[in-house]
Amino acid sequence: MIWHHYLVRTTINLDDEVARLVKEFAESRSLSLGKALTELARRGLTAHRPVKSVNGLLVFDLPAGSPKVTARSVRKLDAESW
């Protein structure tokens, strides 16, 4: 069996903070930006997402002992982010 590996060159637009974080990640591992983005994308796309279906709605299946997510806590976090 023959495997072919193709490099794809493209231009992407990243938020300033994301670009900074990727650059830090790349530098800390002596990787090019492209290899760092590839690794991070692969991790994100293959990460296990613990979800379950509740009444037809997908919800996060949090570990036992996790604090409850309430409307109040969501409003508080949303207000803090602005």
PDB file of N, CA and C in Angstrom:
ATOM      1  N   MET A   1       0.845  -1.172   0.000  1.00  0.00           N
ATOM      2  CA  MET A   1       0.000   0.000   0.000  1.00  0.00           C
ATOM      3  C   MET A   1       0.892   1.237   0.000  1.00  0.00           C
ATOM      4  N   ILE A   2       0.574   2.202  -0.815  1.00  0.00           N
ATOM      5  CA  ILE A   2       1.347   3.437  -0.902  1.00  0.00           C
ATOM      6  C   ILE A   2       0.538   4.564  -0.276  1.00  0.00           C
ATOM      7  N   TRP A   3       1.178   5.285   0.626  1.00  0.00           N
ATOM      8  CA  TRP A   3       0.546   6.436   1.272  1.00  0.00           C
ATOM      9  C   TRP A   3       1.164   7.703   0.713  1.00  0.00           C
ATOM     10  N   HIS A   4       0.334   8.649   0.411  1.00  0.00           N
ATOM     11  CA  HIS A   4       0.808   9.944  -0.072  1.00  0.00           C
ATOM     12  C   HIS A   4       0.471  11.002   0.972  1.00  0.00           C
ATOM     13  N   HIS A   5       1.441  11.816   1.267  1.00  0.00           N
ATOM     14  CA  HIS A   5       1.218  12.918   2.192  1.00  0.00           C
ATOM     15  C   HIS A   5       1.322  14.208   1.397  1.00  0.00           C
ATOM     16  N   TYR A   6       0.279  14.986   1.467  1.00  0.00           N
ATOM     17  CA  TYR A   6       0.266  16.244   0.739  1.00  0.00           C
ATOM     18  C   TYR A   6       0.276  17.398   1.726  1.00  0.00           C
ATOM     19  N   LEU A   7       1.077  18.390   1.454  1.00  0.00           N
ATOM     20  CA  LEU A   7       1.054  19.615   2.225  1.00  0.00           C
ATOM     21  C   LEU A   7       0.072  20.563   1.566  1.00  0.00           C
ATOM     22  N   VAL A   8      -0.765  21.162   2.366  1.00  0.00           N
ATOM     23  CA  VAL A   8      -1.729  22.123   1.862  1.00  0.00           C
ATOM     24  C   VAL A   8      -1.354  23.481   2.416  1.00  0.00           C
ATOM     25  N   ARG A   9      -1.150  24.423   1.533  1.00  0.00           N
ATOM     26  CA  ARG A   9      -0.843  25.788   1.961  1.00  0.00           C
ATOM     27  C   ARG A   9      -2.113  26.609   1.828  1.00  0.00           C
ATOM     28  N   THR A  10      -2.405  27.325   2.895  1.00  0.00           N
ATOM     29  CA  THR A  10      -3.598  28.160   2.886  1.00  0.00           C
ATOM     30  C   THR A  10      -3.369  29.352   3.789  1.00  0.00           C
ATOM     31  N   THR A  11      -4.201  30.327   3.663  1.00  0.00           N
ATOM     32  CA  THR A  11      -4.158  31.508   4.522  1.00  0.00           C
ATOM     33  C   THR A  11      -5.348  31.437   5.462  1.00  0.00           C
ATOM     34  N   ILE A  12      -5.101  31.647   6.744  1.00  0.00           N
ATOM     35  CA  ILE A  12      -6.190  31.660   7.719  1.00  0.00           C
ATOM     36  C   ILE A  12      -6.096  32.944   8.530  1.00  0.00           C
ATOM     37  N   ASN A  13      -7.227  33.348   9.054  1.00  0.00           N
ATOM     38  CA  ASN A  13      -7.283  34.511   9.933  1.00  0.00           C
ATOM     39  C   ASN A  13      -7.549  34.029  11.344  1.00  0.00           C
ATOM     40  N   LEU A  14      -6.672  34.397  12.274  1.00  0.00           N
ATOM     41  CA  LEU A  14      -6.821  34.020  13.671  1.00  0.00           C
ATOM     42  C   LEU A  14      -7.028  35.266  14.517  1.00  0.00           C
ATOM     43  N   ASP A  15      -7.804  35.124  15.575  1.00  0.00           N
ATOM     44  CA  ASP A  15      -7.895  36.201  16.548  1.00  0.00           C
ATOM     45  C   ASP A  15      -6.502  36.446  17.110  1.00  0.00           C
ATOM     46  N   ASP A  16      -6.223  37.675  17.505  1.00  0.00           N
ATOM     47  CA  ASP A  16      -4.895  38.017  18.015  1.00  0.00           C
ATOM     48  C   ASP A  16      -4.472  37.115  19.174  1.00  0.00           C
ATOM     49  N   GLU A  17      -5.394  36.870  20.110  1.00  0.00           N
ATOM     50  CA  GLU A  17      -5.041  36.048  21.267  1.00  0.00           C
ATOM     51  C   GLU A  17      -4.760  34.605  20.865  1.00  0.00           C
ATOM     52  N   VAL A  18      -5.544  34.062  19.929  1.00  0.00           N
ATOM     53  CA  VAL A  18      -5.318  32.696  19.460  1.00  0.00           C
ATOM     54  C   VAL A  18      -3.966  32.609  18.771  1.00  0.00           C
ATOM     55  N   ALA A  19      -3.641  33.600  17.945  1.00  0.00           N
ATOM     56  CA  ALA A  19      -2.349  33.608  17.260  1.00  0.00           C
ATOM     57  C   ALA A  19      -1.207  33.639  18.275  1.00  0.00           C
ATOM     58  N   ARG A  20      -1.365  34.444  19.326  1.00  0.00           N
ATOM     59  CA  ARG A  20      -0.333  34.522  20.370  1.00  0.00           C
ATOM     60  C   ARG A  20      -0.178  33.178  21.077  1.00  0.00           C
ATOM     61  N   LEU A  21      -1.294  32.545  21.409  1.00  0.00           N
ATOM     62  CA  LEU A  21      -1.237  31.259  22.108  1.00  0.00           C
ATOM     63  C   LEU A  21      -0.616  30.166  21.243  1.00  0.00           C
ATOM     64  N   VAL A  22      -0.967  30.153  19.964  1.00  0.00           N
ATOM     65  CA  VAL A  22      -0.385  29.163  19.048  1.00  0.00           C
ATOM     66  C   VAL A  22       1.116  29.400  18.922  1.00  0.00           C
ATOM     67  N   LYS A  23       1.511  30.655  18.818  1.00  0.00           N
ATOM     68  CA  LYS A  23       2.930  30.979  18.704  1.00  0.00           C
ATOM     69  C   LYS A  23       3.685  30.521  19.954  1.00  0.00           C
ATOM     70  N   GLU A  24       3.112  30.768  21.139  1.00  0.00           N
ATOM     71  CA  GLU A  24       3.737  30.306  22.386  1.00  0.00           C
ATOM     72  C   GLU A  24       3.843  28.788  22.407  1.00  0.00           C
ATOM     73  N   PHE A  25       2.772  28.122  22.003  1.00  0.00           N
ATOM     74  CA  PHE A  25       2.755  26.657  21.959  1.00  0.00           C
ATOM     75  C   PHE A  25       3.857  26.159  21.032  1.00  0.00           C
ATOM     76  N   ALA A  26       3.943  26.752  19.846  1.00  0.00           N
ATOM     77  CA  ALA A  26       4.946  26.336  18.861  1.00  0.00           C
ATOM     78  C   ALA A  26       6.358  26.559  19.393  1.00  0.00           C
ATOM     79  N   GLU A  27       6.605  27.737  19.936  1.00  0.00           N
ATOM     80  CA  GLU A  27       7.948  28.052  20.433  1.00  0.00           C
ATOM     81  C   GLU A  27       8.348  27.147  21.594  1.00  0.00           C
ATOM     82  N   SER A  28       7.408  26.833  22.471  1.00  0.00           N
ATOM     83  CA  SER A  28       7.733  26.001  23.636  1.00  0.00           C
ATOM     84  C   SER A  28       8.061  24.562  23.245  1.00  0.00           C
ATOM     85  N   ARG A  29       7.686  24.169  22.023  1.00  0.00           N
ATOM     86  CA  ARG A  29       7.928  22.805  21.554  1.00  0.00           C
ATOM     87  C   ARG A  29       8.844  22.761  20.331  1.00  0.00           C
ATOM     88  N   SER A  30       9.409  23.900  19.997  1.00  0.00           N
ATOM     89  CA  SER A  30      10.288  24.013  18.822  1.00  0.00           C
ATOM     90  C   SER A  30       9.599  23.516  17.552  1.00  0.00           C
ATOM     91  N   LEU A  31       8.362  23.942  17.354  1.00  0.00           N
ATOM     92  CA  LEU A  31       7.580  23.558  16.177  1.00  0.00           C
ATOM     93  C   LEU A  31       7.358  24.775  15.296  1.00  0.00           C
ATOM     94  N   SER A  32       7.124  24.532  14.021  1.00  0.00           N
ATOM     95  CA  SER A  32       6.696  25.610  13.145  1.00  0.00           C
ATOM     96  C   SER A  32       5.240  25.933  13.503  1.00  0.00           C
ATOM     97  N   LEU A  33       4.778  27.107  13.087  1.00  0.00           N
ATOM     98  CA  LEU A  33       3.380  27.460  13.348  1.00  0.00           C
ATOM     99  C   LEU A  33       2.433  26.465  12.687  1.00  0.00           C
ATOM    100  N   GLY A  34       2.756  26.039  11.474  1.00  0.00           N
ATOM    101  CA  GLY A  34       1.904  25.078  10.773  1.00  0.00           C
ATOM    102  C   GLY A  34       1.787  23.760  11.512  1.00  0.00           C
ATOM    103  N   LYS A  35       2.929  23.253  11.994  1.00  0.00           N
ATOM    104  CA  LYS A  35       2.898  21.983  12.733  1.00  0.00           C
ATOM    105  C   LYS A  35       2.155  22.148  14.055  1.00  0.00           C
ATOM    106  N   ALA A  36       2.332  23.305  14.712  1.00  0.00           N
ATOM    107  CA  ALA A  36       1.628  23.559  15.966  1.00  0.00           C
ATOM    108  C   ALA A  36       0.119  23.613  15.727  1.00  0.00           C
ATOM    109  N   LEU A  37      -0.307  24.338  14.689  1.00  0.00           N
ATOM    110  CA  LEU A  37      -1.738  24.407  14.374  1.00  0.00           C
ATOM    111  C   LEU A  37      -2.299  23.034  14.024  1.00  0.00           C
ATOM    112  N   THR A  38      -1.533  22.259  13.282  1.00  0.00           N
ATOM    113  CA  THR A  38      -1.968  20.908  12.934  1.00  0.00           C
ATOM    114  C   THR A  38      -2.170  20.068  14.182  1.00  0.00           C
ATOM    115  N   GLU A  39      -1.192  20.110  15.092  1.00  0.00           N
ATOM    116  CA  GLU A  39      -1.301  19.321  16.323  1.00  0.00           C
ATOM    117  C   GLU A  39      -2.493  19.770  17.164  1.00  0.00           C
ATOM    118  N   LEU A  40      -2.663  21.076  17.321  1.00  0.00           N
ATOM    119  CA  LEU A  40      -3.774  21.583  18.128  1.00  0.00           C
ATOM    120  C   LEU A  40      -5.124  21.267  17.492  1.00  0.00           C
ATOM    121  N   ALA A  41      -5.218  21.399  16.175  1.00  0.00           N
ATOM    122  CA  ALA A  41      -6.473  21.065  15.491  1.00  0.00           C
ATOM    123  C   ALA A  41      -6.783  19.583  15.644  1.00  0.00           C
ATOM    124  N   ARG A  42      -5.775  18.752  15.456  1.00  0.00           N
ATOM    125  CA  ARG A  42      -5.982  17.307  15.581  1.00  0.00           C
ATOM    126  C   ARG A  42      -6.444  16.956  16.995  1.00  0.00           C
ATOM    127  N   ARG A  43      -5.812  17.545  17.999  1.00  0.00           N
ATOM    128  CA  ARG A  43      -6.225  17.296  19.393  1.00  0.00           C
ATOM    129  C   ARG A  43      -7.677  17.694  19.620  1.00  0.00           C
ATOM    130  N   GLY A  44      -8.020  18.883  19.135  1.00  0.00           N
ATOM    131  CA  GLY A  44      -9.382  19.368  19.335  1.00  0.00           C
ATOM    132  C   GLY A  44     -10.423  18.551  18.600  1.00  0.00           C
ATOM    133  N   LEU A  45     -10.083  18.117  17.407  1.00  0.00           N
ATOM    134  CA  LEU A  45     -11.042  17.381  16.599  1.00  0.00           C
ATOM    135  C   LEU A  45     -11.215  15.936  17.049  1.00  0.00           C
ATOM    136  N   THR A  46     -10.232  15.397  17.755  1.00  0.00           N
ATOM    137  CA  THR A  46     -10.331  14.000  18.193  1.00  0.00           C
ATOM    138  C   THR A  46     -10.571  13.867  19.695  1.00  0.00           C
ATOM    139  N   ALA A  47     -10.716  14.998  20.389  1.00  0.00           N
ATOM    140  CA  ALA A  47     -10.910  14.960  21.842  1.00  0.00           C
ATOM    141  C   ALA A  47     -12.254  14.312  22.188  1.00  0.00           C
ATOM    142  N   HIS A  48     -12.238  13.552  23.270  1.00  0.00           N
ATOM    143  CA  HIS A  48     -13.470  12.935  23.760  1.00  0.00           C
ATOM    144  C   HIS A  48     -14.353  14.029  24.347  1.00  0.00           C
ATOM    145  N   ARG A  49     -15.577  14.061  23.925  1.00  0.00           N
ATOM    146  CA  ARG A  49     -16.536  15.037  24.443  1.00  0.00           C
ATOM    147  C   ARG A  49     -17.607  14.288  25.215  1.00  0.00           C
ATOM    148  N   PRO A  50     -17.530  14.353  26.547  1.00  0.00           N
ATOM    149  CA  PRO A  50     -18.500  13.601  27.350  1.00  0.00           C
ATOM    150  C   PRO A  50     -19.882  14.250  27.327  1.00  0.00           C
ATOM    151  N   VAL A  51     -20.719  13.773  26.432  1.00  0.00           N
ATOM    152  CA  VAL A  51     -22.078  14.294  26.340  1.00  0.00           C
ATOM    153  C   VAL A  51     -23.071  13.135  26.450  1.00  0.00           C
ATOM    154  N   LYS A  52     -24.266  13.493  26.834  1.00  0.00           N
ATOM    155  CA  LYS A  52     -25.345  12.504  26.889  1.00  0.00           C
ATOM    156  C   LYS A  52     -26.615  13.185  26.395  1.00  0.00           C
ATOM    157  N   SER A  53     -27.569  12.396  26.023  1.00  0.00           N
ATOM    158  CA  SER A  53     -28.835  12.925  25.527  1.00  0.00           C
ATOM    159  C   SER A  53     -29.839  12.936  26.669  1.00  0.00           C
ATOM    160  N   VAL A  54     -30.417  14.107  26.919  1.00  0.00           N
ATOM    161  CA  VAL A  54     -31.467  14.252  27.931  1.00  0.00           C
ATOM    162  C   VAL A  54     -32.680  14.848  27.235  1.00  0.00           C
ATOM    163  N   ASN A  55     -33.734  14.057  27.125  1.00  0.00           N
ATOM    164  CA  ASN A  55     -34.952  14.493  26.437  1.00  0.00           C
ATOM    165  C   ASN A  55     -34.654  15.020  25.033  1.00  0.00           C
ATOM    166  N   GLY A  56     -33.727  14.370  24.331  1.00  0.00           N
ATOM    167  CA  GLY A  56     -33.401  14.745  22.973  1.00  0.00           C
ATOM    168  C   GLY A  56     -32.417  15.893  22.847  1.00  0.00           C
ATOM    169  N   LEU A  57     -31.933  16.416  23.963  1.00  0.00           N
ATOM    170  CA  LEU A  57     -30.976  17.520  23.956  1.00  0.00           C
ATOM    171  C   LEU A  57     -29.622  16.998  24.423  1.00  0.00           C
ATOM    172  N   LEU A  58     -28.558  17.282  23.665  1.00  0.00           N
ATOM    173  CA  LEU A  58     -27.224  16.856  24.076  1.00  0.00           C
ATOM    174  C   LEU A  58     -26.702  17.794  25.158  1.00  0.00           C
ATOM    175  N   VAL A  59     -26.295  17.216  26.285  1.00  0.00           N
ATOM    176  CA  VAL A  59     -25.760  17.995  27.408  1.00  0.00           C
ATOM    177  C   VAL A  59     -24.423  17.401  27.820  1.00  0.00           C
ATOM    178  N   PHE A  60     -23.568  18.232  28.398  1.00  0.00           N
ATOM    179  CA  PHE A  60     -22.286  17.745  28.889  1.00  0.00           C
ATOM    180  C   PHE A  60     -22.509  16.815  30.061  1.00  0.00           C
ATOM    181  N   ASP A  61     -21.801  15.708  30.065  1.00  0.00           N
ATOM    182  CA  ASP A  61     -21.850  14.749  31.162  1.00  0.00           C
ATOM    183  C   ASP A  61     -20.664  15.055  32.068  1.00  0.00           C
ATOM    184  N   LEU A  62     -20.875  15.902  33.073  1.00  0.00           N
ATOM    185  CA  LEU A  62     -19.790  16.342  33.948  1.00  0.00           C
ATOM    186  C   LEU A  62     -19.447  15.285  34.984  1.00  0.00           C
ATOM    187  N   PRO A  63     -18.202  15.277  35.453  1.00  0.00           N
ATOM    188  CA  PRO A  63     -17.801  14.320  36.476  1.00  0.00           C
ATOM    189  C   PRO A  63     -18.590  14.531  37.764  1.00  0.00           C
ATOM    190  N   ALA A  64     -18.740  13.457  38.531  1.00  0.00           N
ATOM    191  CA  ALA A  64     -19.427  13.546  39.820  1.00  0.00           C
ATOM    192  C   ALA A  64     -18.737  14.597  40.680  1.00  0.00           C
ATOM    193  N   GLY A  65     -19.530  15.386  41.392  1.00  0.00           N
ATOM    194  CA  GLY A  65     -18.971  16.407  42.267  1.00  0.00           C
ATOM    195  C   GLY A  65     -18.740  17.741  41.598  1.00  0.00           C
ATOM    196  N   SER A  66     -18.988  17.821  40.292  1.00  0.00           N
ATOM    197  CA  SER A  66     -18.822  19.099  39.597  1.00  0.00           C
ATOM    198  C   SER A  66     -19.894  20.069  40.076  1.00  0.00           C
ATOM    199  N   PRO A  67     -19.551  21.363  40.152  1.00  0.00           N
ATOM    200  CA  PRO A  67     -20.584  22.329  40.564  1.00  0.00           C
ATOM    201  C   PRO A  67     -21.691  22.393  39.514  1.00  0.00           C
ATOM    202  N   LYS A  68     -22.907  22.628  39.979  1.00  0.00           N
ATOM    203  CA  LYS A  68     -24.035  22.716  39.059  1.00  0.00           C
ATOM    204  C   LYS A  68     -23.932  24.000  38.247  1.00  0.00           C
ATOM    205  N   VAL A  69     -24.328  23.911  37.002  1.00  0.00           N
ATOM    206  CA  VAL A  69     -24.379  25.076  36.130  1.00  0.00           C
ATOM    207  C   VAL A  69     -25.813  25.587  36.174  1.00  0.00           C
ATOM    208  N   THR A  70     -25.971  26.782  36.712  1.00  0.00           N
ATOM    209  CA  THR A  70     -27.297  27.380  36.831  1.00  0.00           C
ATOM    210  C   THR A  70     -27.390  28.600  35.924  1.00  0.00           C
ATOM    211  N   ALA A  71     -28.616  29.052  35.696  1.00  0.00           N
ATOM    212  CA  ALA A  71     -28.806  30.262  34.902  1.00  0.00           C
ATOM    213  C   ALA A  71     -28.084  31.432  35.564  1.00  0.00           C
ATOM    214  N   ARG A  72     -28.109  31.474  36.880  1.00  0.00           N
ATOM    215  CA  ARG A  72     -27.438  32.550  37.618  1.00  0.00           C
ATOM    216  C   ARG A  72     -25.931  32.514  37.375  1.00  0.00           C
ATOM    217  N   SER A  73     -25.330  31.322  37.449  1.00  0.00           N
ATOM    218  CA  SER A  73     -23.877  31.237  37.252  1.00  0.00           C
ATOM    219  C   SER A  73     -23.497  31.577  35.809  1.00  0.00           C
ATOM    220  N   VAL A  74     -24.349  31.220  34.860  1.00  0.00           N
ATOM    221  CA  VAL A  74     -24.086  31.561  33.460  1.00  0.00           C
ATOM    222  C   VAL A  74     -24.161  33.071  33.271  1.00  0.00           C
ATOM    223  N   ARG A  75     -25.195  33.711  33.845  1.00  0.00           N
ATOM    224  CA  ARG A  75     -25.317  35.174  33.738  1.00  0.00           C
ATOM    225  C   ARG A  75     -24.101  35.865  34.366  1.00  0.00           C
ATOM    226  N   LYS A  76     -23.659  35.350  35.515  1.00  0.00           N
ATOM    227  CA  LYS A  76     -22.513  35.944  36.205  1.00  0.00           C
ATOM    228  C   LYS A  76     -21.255  35.837  35.338  1.00  0.00           C
ATOM    229  N   LEU A  77     -21.009  34.665  34.787  1.00  0.00           N
ATOM    230  CA  LEU A  77     -19.828  34.488  33.920  1.00  0.00           C
ATOM    231  C   LEU A  77     -19.935  35.337  32.670  1.00  0.00           C
ATOM    232  N   ASP A  78     -21.140  35.445  32.111  1.00  0.00           N
ATOM    233  CA  ASP A  78     -21.316  36.263  30.918  1.00  0.00           C
ATOM    234  C   ASP A  78     -21.034  37.733  31.231  1.00  0.00           C
ATOM    235  N   ALA A  79     -21.497  38.211  32.383  1.00  0.00           N
ATOM    236  CA  ALA A  79     -21.270  39.609  32.761  1.00  0.00           C
ATOM    237  C   ALA A  79     -19.771  39.866  32.994  1.00  0.00           C
ATOM    238  N   GLU A  80     -19.063  38.884  33.537  1.00  0.00           N
ATOM    239  CA  GLU A  80     -17.631  39.038  33.808  1.00  0.00           C
ATOM    240  C   GLU A  80     -16.804  39.074  32.520  1.00  0.00           C
ATOM    241  N   SER A  81     -17.325  38.465  31.470  1.00  0.00           N
ATOM    242  CA  SER A  81     -16.549  38.390  30.237  1.00  0.00           C
ATOM    243  C   SER A  81     -16.576  39.692  29.447  1.00  0.00           C
ATOM    244  N   TRP A  82     -17.433  40.601  29.783  1.00  0.00           N
ATOM    245  CA  TRP A  82     -17.521  41.867  29.053  1.00  0.00           C
ATOM    246  C   TRP A  82     -16.835  42.878  29.869  1.00  0.00           C
TER     247      TRP A  82
END
